[in-house]
Amino acid sequence: MAQIIPMDNASVTVSVVMPCFNAAPFIAEALNSVLSQGVRGIEVIVVDDGSTDDSVAVALSMGPAVKVIRQVNAGPAAARNRGVREAQGRFVAFLDADDLWLPGKLAEQLKVFETRPEAAVVYGPFLFWRPDEDGAPQRAVAYSPTAQQAMRSGWLYPEILLDSLVCIITAIVRREVFDAIGAFDEQLRTGEDYDFWIRAARFGACISVERPLACYRLHGGGTTRVPRPQCNEYEVVRAAARTFGLQGQDGVSLAPHRLRQRLYRLSFDHGYLHYWHGQARVAQRQFARALGHAPWHGRAWIYWALAGAKRLLGH
């Protein structure tokens, strides 16, 4: 297990890394939610990832507290890595340019680091947010603050293989975690944060607070809404299981049948997405992969056949 040094209160500095791509309508609101946290020693680093709108101008208008770095479009992982390289803080936090932090987020998480020296990551629930529809946040069911959510703290490697527990816009990471495990995988256009949390969960404990920490804006431009041919989440889980095995640093192991169930569900869900909104060829391939993990699932056989019929019809 990692030996993590307790923090010195006098030297607390949080670097907030904000990747940005064409977020001019939203970024001022996001930055204000950071600058109003009321915690000393915050530096804000906006990494503009090749925006073609007024994102940079809006960020610069926020004043000298915001540092803006521009780069050719390379994706969110590359933008976050650039921000981490520039960061001076002992802790690194992330917020996307179209989302928000809730008041008191940073202060509450820094208190956790004070009392939990084994913590590598402190994260928490978030709220879905549809401000253009009703102006008020809507709770994310999977991340609502419950007693069970609070229990998802500790050496969580086996649990994170089963569920992407950490939402990046809620997380604060000790800087030495990056030094030990490396940065975000820039080859992944989606799932790069999930890959990072899996590796981080092998370095130190992941501690959850109970109350919501951020608002995740729902709108049509989100990256995860695009049906991609490859299911990166599947690849991330499978690669982690092959590289690290199923046992966490605390000796707790994930049962192999639960891993098979997880891989089945990821494949089936990706196939289902493509069946209705993407390519029939990709859908059928994903259903076939799901059946490789759980050949007794009749629903997967049905959709495999339906996807094949779609292909023959040219859909």
C-alpha atoms as a PDB file:
ATOM      1  CA  MET A   1       0.000   0.000   0.000  1.00  0.00           C
ATOM      2  CA  ALA A   2       1.079   3.570  -0.630  1.00  0.00           C
ATOM      3  CA  GLN A   3       2.543   5.658   2.191  1.00  0.00           C
ATOM      4  CA  ILE A   4       0.815   9.040   1.846  1.00  0.00           C
ATOM      5  CA  ILE A   5       2.176  11.919   3.902  1.00  0.00           C
ATOM      6  CA  PRO A   6      -0.426  13.915   5.891  1.00  0.00           C
ATOM      7  CA  MET A   7      -0.915  17.429   4.613  1.00  0.00           C
ATOM      8  CA  ASP A   8       0.456  20.553   6.232  1.00  0.00           C
ATOM      9  CA  ASN A   9      -2.409  23.048   6.671  1.00  0.00           C
ATOM     10  CA  ALA A  10      -0.094  26.011   6.137  1.00  0.00           C
ATOM     11  CA  SER A  11       0.790  24.925   2.592  1.00  0.00           C
ATOM     12  CA  VAL A  12      -2.601  23.904   1.221  1.00  0.00           C
ATOM     13  CA  THR A  13      -2.896  24.815  -2.482  1.00  0.00           C
ATOM     14  CA  VAL A  14      -5.490  23.440  -4.876  1.00  0.00           C
ATOM     15  CA  SER A  15      -4.907  23.580  -8.613  1.00  0.00           C
ATOM     16  CA  VAL A  16      -8.186  23.528 -10.526  1.00  0.00           C
ATOM     17  CA  VAL A  17      -7.793  22.238 -14.078  1.00  0.00           C
ATOM     18  CA  MET A  18     -10.582  23.139 -16.496  1.00  0.00           C
ATOM     19  CA  PRO A  19     -10.438  21.663 -20.026  1.00  0.00           C
ATOM     20  CA  CYS A  20     -12.441  23.751 -22.448  1.00  0.00           C
ATOM     21  CA  PHE A  21     -13.716  23.281 -25.981  1.00  0.00           C
ATOM     22  CA  ASN A  22     -16.271  25.736 -27.378  1.00  0.00           C
ATOM     23  CA  ALA A  23     -17.827  26.483 -23.995  1.00  0.00           C
ATOM     24  CA  ALA A  24     -18.253  30.259 -24.334  1.00  0.00           C
ATOM     25  CA  PRO A  25     -21.914  30.249 -23.149  1.00  0.00           C
ATOM     26  CA  PHE A  26     -21.024  28.339 -19.967  1.00  0.00           C
ATOM     27  CA  ILE A  27     -17.424  28.926 -18.884  1.00  0.00           C
ATOM     28  CA  ALA A  28     -17.956  32.147 -16.918  1.00  0.00           C
ATOM     29  CA  GLU A  29     -20.546  30.402 -14.753  1.00  0.00           C
ATOM     30  CA  ALA A  30     -18.186  27.456 -14.228  1.00  0.00           C
ATOM     31  CA  LEU A  31     -15.277  29.717 -13.277  1.00  0.00           C
ATOM     32  CA  ASN A  32     -17.399  31.763 -10.893  1.00  0.00           C
ATOM     33  CA  SER A  33     -18.363  28.571  -9.077  1.00  0.00           C
ATOM     34  CA  VAL A  34     -14.652  27.889  -8.510  1.00  0.00           C
ATOM     35  CA  LEU A  35     -13.590  31.417  -7.604  1.00  0.00           C
ATOM     36  CA  SER A  36     -16.398  31.718  -5.043  1.00  0.00           C
ATOM     37  CA  GLN A  37     -15.341  28.626  -3.062  1.00  0.00           C
ATOM     38  CA  GLY A  38     -13.821  30.765  -0.307  1.00  0.00           C
ATOM     39  CA  VAL A  39     -10.662  28.654   0.014  1.00  0.00           C
ATOM     40  CA  ARG A  40      -7.252  30.307  -0.043  1.00  0.00           C
ATOM     41  CA  GLY A  41      -4.477  29.104  -2.307  1.00  0.00           C
ATOM     42  CA  ILE A  42      -6.565  28.198  -5.354  1.00  0.00           C
ATOM     43  CA  GLU A  43      -5.045  28.459  -8.799  1.00  0.00           C
ATOM     44  CA  VAL A  44      -7.319  28.047 -11.824  1.00  0.00           C
ATOM     45  CA  ILE A  45      -5.892  26.697 -15.073  1.00  0.00           C
ATOM     46  CA  VAL A  46      -8.111  26.757 -18.164  1.00  0.00           C
ATOM     47  CA  VAL A  47      -6.735  24.619 -20.979  1.00  0.00           C
ATOM     48  CA  ASP A  48      -8.458  25.651 -24.187  1.00  0.00           C
ATOM     49  CA  ASP A  49      -8.447  22.632 -26.479  1.00  0.00           C
ATOM     50  CA  GLY A  50      -8.678  24.382 -29.848  1.00  0.00           C
ATOM     51  CA  SER A  51     -11.952  26.281 -29.334  1.00  0.00           C
ATOM     52  CA  THR A  52     -13.323  28.192 -32.319  1.00  0.00           C
ATOM     53  CA  ASP A  53     -15.745  30.344 -30.305  1.00  0.00           C
ATOM     54  CA  ASP A  54     -15.129  33.054 -27.681  1.00  0.00           C
ATOM     55  CA  SER A  55     -14.176  30.681 -24.863  1.00  0.00           C
ATOM     56  CA  VAL A  56     -10.685  32.120 -24.460  1.00  0.00           C
ATOM     57  CA  ALA A  57     -11.908  35.711 -24.404  1.00  0.00           C
ATOM     58  CA  VAL A  58     -14.493  34.902 -21.760  1.00  0.00           C
ATOM     59  CA  ALA A  59     -11.943  33.065 -19.610  1.00  0.00           C
ATOM     60  CA  LEU A  60      -9.452  35.924 -19.874  1.00  0.00           C
ATOM     61  CA  SER A  61     -12.148  38.404 -18.875  1.00  0.00           C
ATOM     62  CA  MET A  62     -12.379  36.694 -15.477  1.00  0.00           C
ATOM     63  CA  GLY A  63      -9.178  38.410 -14.409  1.00  0.00           C
ATOM     64  CA  PRO A  64      -5.652  37.416 -13.321  1.00  0.00           C
ATOM     65  CA  ALA A  65      -6.881  34.637 -11.033  1.00  0.00           C
ATOM     66  CA  VAL A  66      -7.483  32.531 -14.145  1.00  0.00           C
ATOM     67  CA  LYS A  67      -4.547  31.248 -16.182  1.00  0.00           C
ATOM     68  CA  VAL A  68      -5.400  30.339 -19.778  1.00  0.00           C
ATOM     69  CA  ILE A  69      -3.369  27.907 -21.865  1.00  0.00           C
ATOM     70  CA  ARG A  70      -4.181  27.315 -25.518  1.00  0.00           C
ATOM     71  CA  GLN A  71      -3.408  24.179 -27.495  1.00  0.00           C
ATOM     72  CA  VAL A  72      -4.396  22.507 -30.742  1.00  0.00           C
ATOM     73  CA  ASN A  73      -7.396  20.239 -30.251  1.00  0.00           C
ATOM     74  CA  ALA A  74      -6.185  16.957 -28.770  1.00  0.00           C
ATOM     75  CA  GLY A  75      -9.082  15.786 -26.611  1.00  0.00           C
ATOM     76  CA  PRO A  76     -10.005  16.073 -22.928  1.00  0.00           C
ATOM     77  CA  ALA A  77      -7.297  13.710 -21.652  1.00  0.00           C
ATOM     78  CA  ALA A  78      -4.548  15.741 -23.301  1.00  0.00           C
ATOM     79  CA  ALA A  79      -6.075  18.989 -22.021  1.00  0.00           C
ATOM     80  CA  ARG A  80      -6.240  17.698 -18.454  1.00  0.00           C
ATOM     81  CA  ASN A  81      -2.681  16.371 -18.653  1.00  0.00           C
ATOM     82  CA  ARG A  82      -1.454  19.746 -19.838  1.00  0.00           C
ATOM     83  CA  GLY A  83      -3.172  21.395 -16.893  1.00  0.00           C
ATOM     84  CA  VAL A  84      -1.696  18.905 -14.430  1.00  0.00           C
ATOM     85  CA  ARG A  85       1.795  19.554 -15.801  1.00  0.00           C
ATOM     86  CA  GLU A  86       1.302  23.275 -15.179  1.00  0.00           C
ATOM     87  CA  ALA A  87      -0.275  22.812 -11.753  1.00  0.00           C
ATOM     88  CA  GLN A  88       1.612  23.985  -8.667  1.00  0.00           C
ATOM     89  CA  GLY A  89      -0.813  22.764  -6.024  1.00  0.00           C
ATOM     90  CA  ARG A  90      -0.494  19.870  -3.609  1.00  0.00           C
ATOM     91  CA  PHE A  91      -3.976  18.869  -4.694  1.00  0.00           C
ATOM     92  CA  VAL A  92      -5.469  18.821  -8.172  1.00  0.00           C
ATOM     93  CA  ALA A  93      -9.186  19.160  -8.877  1.00  0.00           C
ATOM     94  CA  PHE A  94     -11.095  19.136 -12.153  1.00  0.00           C
ATOM     95  CA  LEU A  95     -14.147  20.902 -13.496  1.00  0.00           C
ATOM     96  CA  ASP A  96     -15.389  20.844 -17.080  1.00  0.00           C
ATOM     97  CA  ALA A  97     -16.135  24.236 -18.578  1.00  0.00           C
ATOM     98  CA  ASP A  98     -19.886  23.615 -18.839  1.00  0.00           C
ATOM     99  CA  ASP A  99     -20.434  22.293 -15.304  1.00  0.00           C
ATOM    100  CA  LEU A 100     -20.574  23.838 -11.820  1.00  0.00           C
ATOM    101  CA  TRP A 101     -19.255  23.296  -8.322  1.00  0.00           C
ATOM    102  CA  LEU A 102     -21.621  23.756  -5.410  1.00  0.00           C
ATOM    103  CA  PRO A 103     -20.687  26.135  -2.551  1.00  0.00           C
ATOM    104  CA  GLY A 104     -18.338  24.732   0.082  1.00  0.00           C
ATOM    105  CA  LYS A 105     -17.110  21.843  -2.078  1.00  0.00           C
ATOM    106  CA  LEU A 106     -13.387  22.406  -1.705  1.00  0.00           C
ATOM    107  CA  ALA A 107     -13.469  23.216   2.007  1.00  0.00           C
ATOM    108  CA  GLU A 108     -15.341  20.016   2.821  1.00  0.00           C
ATOM    109  CA  GLN A 109     -12.993  17.848   0.794  1.00  0.00           C
ATOM    110  CA  LEU A 110      -9.855  19.409   2.253  1.00  0.00           C
ATOM    111  CA  LYS A 111     -11.171  18.599   5.728  1.00  0.00           C
ATOM    112  CA  VAL A 112     -11.373  14.946   4.666  1.00  0.00           C
ATOM    113  CA  PHE A 113      -7.723  14.990   3.604  1.00  0.00           C
ATOM    114  CA  GLU A 114      -6.826  16.352   7.059  1.00  0.00           C
ATOM    115  CA  THR A 115      -8.457  13.432   8.855  1.00  0.00           C
ATOM    116  CA  ARG A 116      -7.803  10.659   6.322  1.00  0.00           C
ATOM    117  CA  PRO A 117      -4.069  10.641   5.492  1.00  0.00           C
ATOM    118  CA  GLU A 118      -4.500   7.440   3.480  1.00  0.00           C
ATOM    119  CA  ALA A 119      -6.808   9.222   1.026  1.00  0.00           C
ATOM    120  CA  ALA A 120      -5.544   9.542  -2.523  1.00  0.00           C
ATOM    121  CA  VAL A 121      -8.859  10.807  -3.919  1.00  0.00           C
ATOM    122  CA  VAL A 122     -11.816  12.534  -2.281  1.00  0.00           C
ATOM    123  CA  TYR A 123     -15.001  12.571  -4.342  1.00  0.00           C
ATOM    124  CA  GLY A 124     -18.746  12.685  -3.874  1.00  0.00           C
ATOM    125  CA  PRO A 125     -22.246  12.783  -5.396  1.00  0.00           C
ATOM    126  CA  PHE A 126     -23.302  15.201  -8.094  1.00  0.00           C
ATOM    127  CA  LEU A 127     -26.555  16.508  -9.533  1.00  0.00           C
ATOM    128  CA  PHE A 128     -27.756  16.332 -13.096  1.00  0.00           C
ATOM    129  CA  TRP A 129     -28.607  19.818 -14.291  1.00  0.00           C
ATOM    130  CA  ARG A 130     -30.984  20.912 -17.049  1.00  0.00           C
ATOM    131  CA  PRO A 131     -30.943  24.696 -16.590  1.00  0.00           C
ATOM    132  CA  ASP A 132     -32.292  25.401 -20.073  1.00  0.00           C
ATOM    133  CA  GLU A 133     -35.428  23.385 -19.332  1.00  0.00           C
ATOM    134  CA  ASP A 134     -36.423  24.212 -15.773  1.00  0.00           C
ATOM    135  CA  GLY A 135     -33.616  26.213 -14.209  1.00  0.00           C
ATOM    136  CA  ALA A 136     -33.137  23.772 -11.324  1.00  0.00           C
ATOM    137  CA  PRO A 137     -30.803  20.796 -10.811  1.00  0.00           C
ATOM    138  CA  GLN A 138     -32.227  17.291 -10.962  1.00  0.00           C
ATOM    139  CA  ARG A 139     -30.720  14.595  -8.775  1.00  0.00           C
ATOM    140  CA  ALA A 140     -28.626  11.885 -10.386  1.00  0.00           C
ATOM    141  CA  VAL A 141     -30.211   8.718  -9.027  1.00  0.00           C
ATOM    142  CA  ALA A 142     -26.977   6.719  -9.126  1.00  0.00           C
ATOM    143  CA  TYR A 143     -25.131   9.358  -7.127  1.00  0.00           C
ATOM    144  CA  SER A 144     -27.737  10.622  -4.694  1.00  0.00           C
ATOM    145  CA  PRO A 145     -26.386  11.129  -1.156  1.00  0.00           C
ATOM    146  CA  THR A 146     -27.325   7.994   0.775  1.00  0.00           C
ATOM    147  CA  ALA A 147     -25.829   5.926   3.563  1.00  0.00           C
ATOM    148  CA  GLN A 148     -24.689   3.408   0.960  1.00  0.00           C
ATOM    149  CA  GLN A 149     -22.898   6.111  -0.985  1.00  0.00           C
ATOM    150  CA  ALA A 150     -20.961   7.132   2.125  1.00  0.00           C
ATOM    151  CA  MET A 151     -19.885   3.510   2.594  1.00  0.00           C
ATOM    152  CA  ARG A 152     -18.172   3.494  -0.793  1.00  0.00           C
ATOM    153  CA  SER A 153     -14.959   4.696   0.737  1.00  0.00           C
ATOM    154  CA  GLY A 154     -11.668   2.908   1.224  1.00  0.00           C
ATOM    155  CA  TRP A 155      -9.530   0.727  -1.009  1.00  0.00           C
ATOM    156  CA  LEU A 156     -12.097   0.495  -3.774  1.00  0.00           C
ATOM    157  CA  TYR A 157     -10.258  -1.212  -6.624  1.00  0.00           C
ATOM    158  CA  PRO A 158     -12.629  -4.230  -6.916  1.00  0.00           C
ATOM    159  CA  GLU A 159     -15.691  -1.977  -6.588  1.00  0.00           C
ATOM    160  CA  ILE A 160     -14.469   0.461  -9.213  1.00  0.00           C
ATOM    161  CA  LEU A 161     -14.056  -2.416 -11.674  1.00  0.00           C
ATOM    162  CA  LEU A 162     -17.809  -2.927 -11.301  1.00  0.00           C
ATOM    163  CA  ASP A 163     -18.875   0.705 -11.400  1.00  0.00           C
ATOM    164  CA  SER A 164     -17.276   3.977 -12.412  1.00  0.00           C
ATOM    165  CA  LEU A 165     -17.855   5.453  -8.973  1.00  0.00           C
ATOM    166  CA  VAL A 166     -15.834   8.664  -9.262  1.00  0.00           C
ATOM    167  CA  CYS A 167     -17.205  11.541 -11.309  1.00  0.00           C
ATOM    168  CA  ILE A 168     -14.240  13.685 -12.299  1.00  0.00           C
ATOM    169  CA  ILE A 169     -15.947  17.020 -11.656  1.00  0.00           C
ATOM    170  CA  THR A 170     -16.309  16.091  -7.971  1.00  0.00           C
ATOM    171  CA  ALA A 171     -12.821  14.696  -7.365  1.00  0.00           C
ATOM    172  CA  ILE A 172      -9.717  16.136  -5.713  1.00  0.00           C
ATOM    173  CA  VAL A 173      -6.488  14.162  -6.106  1.00  0.00           C
ATOM    174  CA  ARG A 174      -3.243  14.382  -4.166  1.00  0.00           C
ATOM    175  CA  ARG A 175      -0.470  15.498  -6.494  1.00  0.00           C
ATOM    176  CA  GLU A 176       1.738  12.526  -5.614  1.00  0.00           C
ATOM    177  CA  VAL A 177      -0.874  10.216  -7.124  1.00  0.00           C
ATOM    178  CA  PHE A 178      -0.050  11.581 -10.587  1.00  0.00           C
ATOM    179  CA  ASP A 179       3.664  11.269  -9.843  1.00  0.00           C
ATOM    180  CA  ALA A 180       3.174   7.604  -8.909  1.00  0.00           C
ATOM    181  CA  ILE A 181       0.699   6.268 -11.481  1.00  0.00           C
ATOM    182  CA  GLY A 182       1.033   8.649 -14.422  1.00  0.00           C
ATOM    183  CA  ALA A 183      -1.477  10.823 -16.196  1.00  0.00           C
ATOM    184  CA  PHE A 184      -4.676  10.305 -18.187  1.00  0.00           C
ATOM    185  CA  ASP A 185      -4.398   7.992 -21.194  1.00  0.00           C
ATOM    186  CA  GLU A 186      -4.504  10.319 -24.198  1.00  0.00           C
ATOM    187  CA  GLN A 187      -5.307   7.437 -26.552  1.00  0.00           C
ATOM    188  CA  LEU A 188      -8.776   7.256 -25.006  1.00  0.00           C
ATOM    189  CA  ARG A 189     -11.296   9.885 -26.142  1.00  0.00           C
ATOM    190  CA  THR A 190     -13.798   8.532 -23.614  1.00  0.00           C
ATOM    191  CA  GLY A 191     -13.179   6.483 -20.489  1.00  0.00           C
ATOM    192  CA  GLU A 192      -9.817   8.121 -19.809  1.00  0.00           C
ATOM    193  CA  ASP A 193     -10.972   9.299 -16.385  1.00  0.00           C
ATOM    194  CA  TYR A 194     -12.332   5.835 -15.513  1.00  0.00           C
ATOM    195  CA  ASP A 195      -8.963   4.320 -16.390  1.00  0.00           C
ATOM    196  CA  PHE A 196      -7.260   6.852 -14.127  1.00  0.00           C
ATOM    197  CA  TRP A 197      -9.562   6.161 -11.142  1.00  0.00           C
ATOM    198  CA  ILE A 198      -8.939   2.436 -11.441  1.00  0.00           C
ATOM    199  CA  ARG A 199      -5.189   3.028 -11.229  1.00  0.00           C
ATOM    200  CA  ALA A 200      -5.590   5.591  -8.449  1.00  0.00           C
ATOM    201  CA  ALA A 201      -7.666   3.104  -6.430  1.00  0.00           C
ATOM    202  CA  ARG A 202      -4.628   0.828  -6.319  1.00  0.00           C
ATOM    203  CA  PHE A 203      -2.410   3.624  -5.005  1.00  0.00           C
ATOM    204  CA  GLY A 204      -4.533   4.920  -2.133  1.00  0.00           C
ATOM    205  CA  ALA A 205      -7.979   5.106  -0.626  1.00  0.00           C
ATOM    206  CA  CYS A 206     -10.895   6.823  -2.362  1.00  0.00           C
ATOM    207  CA  ILE A 207     -13.063   8.631   0.179  1.00  0.00           C
ATOM    208  CA  SER A 208     -16.605   9.803  -0.555  1.00  0.00           C
ATOM    209  CA  VAL A 209     -18.405  12.660   1.129  1.00  0.00           C
ATOM    210  CA  GLU A 210     -22.175  12.416   1.471  1.00  0.00           C
ATOM    211  CA  ARG A 211     -23.551  15.628   0.022  1.00  0.00           C
ATOM    212  CA  PRO A 212     -23.616  16.639  -3.676  1.00  0.00           C
ATOM    213  CA  LEU A 213     -20.523  18.565  -4.735  1.00  0.00           C
ATOM    214  CA  ALA A 214     -21.182  19.579  -8.336  1.00  0.00           C
ATOM    215  CA  CYS A 215     -23.770  19.999 -11.076  1.00  0.00           C
ATOM    216  CA  TYR A 216     -23.342  18.109 -14.336  1.00  0.00           C
ATOM    217  CA  ARG A 217     -24.974  20.035 -17.166  1.00  0.00           C
ATOM    218  CA  LEU A 218     -27.083  17.993 -19.568  1.00  0.00           C
ATOM    219  CA  HIS A 219     -27.104  19.314 -23.118  1.00  0.00           C
ATOM    220  CA  GLY A 220     -26.767  18.018 -26.657  1.00  0.00           C
ATOM    221  CA  GLY A 221     -23.056  18.688 -27.001  1.00  0.00           C
ATOM    222  CA  GLY A 222     -21.828  16.181 -24.427  1.00  0.00           C
ATOM    223  CA  THR A 223     -18.977  13.901 -25.499  1.00  0.00           C
ATOM    224  CA  THR A 224     -20.487  10.753 -24.015  1.00  0.00           C
ATOM    225  CA  ARG A 225     -23.654  11.117 -26.112  1.00  0.00           C
ATOM    226  CA  VAL A 226     -21.797  10.284 -29.330  1.00  0.00           C
ATOM    227  CA  PRO A 227     -22.131   6.544 -30.191  1.00  0.00           C
ATOM    228  CA  ARG A 228     -18.544   5.478 -30.849  1.00  0.00           C
ATOM    229  CA  PRO A 229     -17.564   2.188 -32.507  1.00  0.00           C
ATOM    230  CA  GLN A 230     -15.424   1.090 -29.568  1.00  0.00           C
ATOM    231  CA  CYS A 231     -16.685   0.648 -26.019  1.00  0.00           C
ATOM    232  CA  ASN A 232     -13.790   2.212 -24.152  1.00  0.00           C
ATOM    233  CA  GLU A 233     -15.228   1.432 -20.731  1.00  0.00           C
ATOM    234  CA  TYR A 234     -15.180  -2.274 -21.623  1.00  0.00           C
ATOM    235  CA  GLU A 235     -11.581  -2.030 -22.805  1.00  0.00           C
ATOM    236  CA  VAL A 236     -10.554  -0.172 -19.653  1.00  0.00           C
ATOM    237  CA  VAL A 237     -12.074  -2.783 -17.320  1.00  0.00           C
ATOM    238  CA  ARG A 238     -10.693  -5.733 -19.274  1.00  0.00           C
ATOM    239  CA  ALA A 239      -7.209  -4.206 -19.458  1.00  0.00           C
ATOM    240  CA  ALA A 240      -7.202  -3.468 -15.713  1.00  0.00           C
ATOM    241  CA  ALA A 241      -8.250  -7.027 -14.855  1.00  0.00           C
ATOM    242  CA  ARG A 242      -5.487  -8.418 -17.073  1.00  0.00           C
ATOM    243  CA  THR A 243      -2.840  -6.044 -15.750  1.00  0.00           C
ATOM    244  CA  PHE A 244      -3.655  -5.910 -12.044  1.00  0.00           C
ATOM    245  CA  GLY A 245      -5.829  -8.947 -11.482  1.00  0.00           C
ATOM    246  CA  LEU A 246      -8.987  -8.943  -9.358  1.00  0.00           C
ATOM    247  CA  GLN A 247      -7.491  -8.355  -5.918  1.00  0.00           C
ATOM    248  CA  GLY A 248      -7.177  -4.937  -4.338  1.00  0.00           C
ATOM    249  CA  GLN A 249      -4.286  -3.650  -2.250  1.00  0.00           C
ATOM    250  CA  ASP A 250      -6.170  -4.536   0.926  1.00  0.00           C
ATOM    251  CA  GLY A 251      -6.533  -8.181  -0.085  1.00  0.00           C
ATOM    252  CA  VAL A 252     -10.206  -7.970  -1.077  1.00  0.00           C
ATOM    253  CA  SER A 253     -10.912  -9.686  -4.406  1.00  0.00           C
ATOM    254  CA  LEU A 254     -13.617  -9.433  -7.020  1.00  0.00           C
ATOM    255  CA  ALA A 255     -15.328 -12.731  -7.827  1.00  0.00           C
ATOM    256  CA  PRO A 256     -14.626 -13.765 -11.457  1.00  0.00           C
ATOM    257  CA  HIS A 257     -18.326 -14.256 -12.227  1.00  0.00           C
ATOM    258  CA  ARG A 258     -19.007 -10.635 -11.254  1.00  0.00           C
ATOM    259  CA  LEU A 259     -16.347  -9.467 -13.695  1.00  0.00           C
ATOM    260  CA  ARG A 260     -17.986 -11.561 -16.430  1.00  0.00           C
ATOM    261  CA  GLN A 261     -21.352  -9.982 -15.594  1.00  0.00           C
ATOM    262  CA  ARG A 262     -19.797  -6.521 -15.778  1.00  0.00           C
ATOM    263  CA  LEU A 263     -18.204  -7.197 -19.182  1.00  0.00           C
ATOM    264  CA  TYR A 264     -21.460  -8.689 -20.466  1.00  0.00           C
ATOM    265  CA  ARG A 265     -23.437  -5.621 -19.411  1.00  0.00           C
ATOM    266  CA  LEU A 266     -20.941  -3.161 -20.908  1.00  0.00           C
ATOM    267  CA  SER A 267     -20.977  -5.004 -24.241  1.00  0.00           C
ATOM    268  CA  PHE A 268     -24.733  -5.418 -24.329  1.00  0.00           C
ATOM    269  CA  ASP A 269     -25.420  -1.782 -23.456  1.00  0.00           C
ATOM    270  CA  HIS A 270     -22.997  -0.558 -26.110  1.00  0.00           C
ATOM    271  CA  GLY A 271     -24.634  -2.835 -28.664  1.00  0.00           C
ATOM    272  CA  TYR A 272     -28.080  -1.613 -27.642  1.00  0.00           C
ATOM    273  CA  LEU A 273     -26.986   2.011 -28.097  1.00  0.00           C
ATOM    274  CA  HIS A 274     -25.740   1.284 -31.597  1.00  0.00           C
ATOM    275  CA  TYR A 275     -28.780  -0.805 -32.467  1.00  0.00           C
ATOM    276  CA  TRP A 276     -31.035   2.200 -31.960  1.00  0.00           C
ATOM    277  CA  HIS A 277     -28.739   5.161 -32.646  1.00  0.00           C
ATOM    278  CA  GLY A 278     -25.631   3.910 -34.435  1.00  0.00           C
ATOM    279  CA  GLN A 279     -24.409   1.175 -36.740  1.00  0.00           C
ATOM    280  CA  ALA A 280     -25.996  -2.262 -36.976  1.00  0.00           C
ATOM    281  CA  ARG A 281     -22.604  -3.829 -37.721  1.00  0.00           C
ATOM    282  CA  VAL A 282     -21.150  -2.438 -34.485  1.00  0.00           C
ATOM    283  CA  ALA A 283     -24.287  -3.475 -32.584  1.00  0.00           C
ATOM    284  CA  GLN A 284     -24.103  -7.084 -33.756  1.00  0.00           C
ATOM    285  CA  ARG A 285     -20.409  -7.295 -32.908  1.00  0.00           C
ATOM    286  CA  GLN A 286     -21.092  -5.985 -29.401  1.00  0.00           C
ATOM    287  CA  PHE A 287     -23.959  -8.426 -28.832  1.00  0.00           C
ATOM    288  CA  ALA A 288     -21.700 -11.262 -29.948  1.00  0.00           C
ATOM    289  CA  ARG A 289     -19.045 -10.147 -27.468  1.00  0.00           C
ATOM    290  CA  ALA A 290     -21.664  -9.979 -24.715  1.00  0.00           C
ATOM    291  CA  LEU A 291     -22.671 -13.551 -25.489  1.00  0.00           C
ATOM    292  CA  GLY A 292     -19.023 -14.572 -25.170  1.00  0.00           C
ATOM    293  CA  HIS A 293     -19.241 -13.603 -21.500  1.00  0.00           C
ATOM    294  CA  ALA A 294     -22.776 -14.898 -20.858  1.00  0.00           C
ATOM    295  CA  PRO A 295     -24.038 -17.202 -23.654  1.00  0.00           C
ATOM    296  CA  TRP A 296     -27.239 -18.076 -21.759  1.00  0.00           C
ATOM    297  CA  HIS A 297     -28.734 -14.576 -22.041  1.00  0.00           C
ATOM    298  CA  GLY A 298     -31.636 -14.920 -24.471  1.00  0.00           C
ATOM    299  CA  ARG A 299     -32.089 -11.151 -24.856  1.00  0.00           C
ATOM    300  CA  ALA A 300     -28.575 -10.813 -26.250  1.00  0.00           C
ATOM    301  CA  TRP A 301     -29.272 -13.598 -28.776  1.00  0.00           C
ATOM    302  CA  ILE A 302     -32.457 -11.828 -29.882  1.00  0.00           C
ATOM    303  CA  TYR A 303     -30.734  -8.491 -30.386  1.00  0.00           C
ATOM    304  CA  TRP A 304     -27.785 -10.173 -32.114  1.00  0.00           C
ATOM    305  CA  ALA A 305     -30.253 -11.615 -34.636  1.00  0.00           C
ATOM    306  CA  LEU A 306     -32.137  -8.316 -35.009  1.00  0.00           C
ATOM    307  CA  ALA A 307     -28.894  -6.437 -35.599  1.00  0.00           C
ATOM    308  CA  GLY A 308     -27.962  -8.967 -38.261  1.00  0.00           C
ATOM    309  CA  ALA A 309     -31.297  -8.425 -39.974  1.00  0.00           C
ATOM    310  CA  LYS A 310     -30.712  -4.670 -39.880  1.00  0.00           C
ATOM    311  CA  ARG A 311     -27.348  -5.180 -41.564  1.00  0.00           C
ATOM    312  CA  LEU A 312     -28.917  -7.285 -44.337  1.00  0.00           C
ATOM    313  CA  LEU A 313     -31.498  -4.532 -44.889  1.00  0.00           C
ATOM    314  CA  GLY A 314     -28.752  -1.950 -45.160  1.00  0.00           C
ATOM    315  CA  HIS A 315     -29.562   0.014 -41.986  1.00  0.00           C
END
